[in-house]
Amino acid sequence: MILKTNLIKIAKIKNTFGVNGKVKIISFTHPQKNIFNINPLYIINDTIKKIEIKYEGIYRNFFITSIKNINNINYAEKIIKQYIYIKKESLPKLNNEEFYWFQLLGMNVIKEDNEYYGKIEDIFFNGVYDVLIIKNNYNIKELVPCIYEKYIKNINMENNIITIKNI
């Protein structure tokens, strides 16, 4: 049995595309087209369901995708706004100083002088590098580029702490 806690979001189904059941998705993988090399994939409706996707093209900033056994717009509309997941254990192993975004979410952030700065609330890729969204003590969201040595001093997974340089 697959538990939701063992799954990681790697894409979102944004909308339908045409009447033949194709959908537009946005991939969270890097590079984005890697989503088509990952198997198995899952969606969660009432239960966790395994899906197979096929690359059909690009429209604006979205991948056009067909999903096996979804062949008309009525079925496709039922999965709009759903996330696409992968099992954590299916992810490739990373080098020592590489991390998946899900591993950093919720980590505490301190400055190099040990002053608490906030928590990682979200992460996004701006086209050049990853950016950490840190919610500070005043409930204000701060953006910090995830660039080692320039802004990030240390990531300590054991203690759940990211140390950033004093900005």
Foldseek 3Di string as FASTA:
>chain_A
DDDPVQKDFFKAFAAADDFFQKTWMFGNDVVRVCVLVDDFKWWDDPHIDTWHKDFDQDDDRTTTIHIPPGTGRVSNVVRHGITMIDGPVRDDDDDPPDDDQVLQFQFWEAEPVRHTFFGFHGWDQPPPFIWTFGQGPVRDTDIDTPDDPVFWPDQDSVRSYTYTYDD
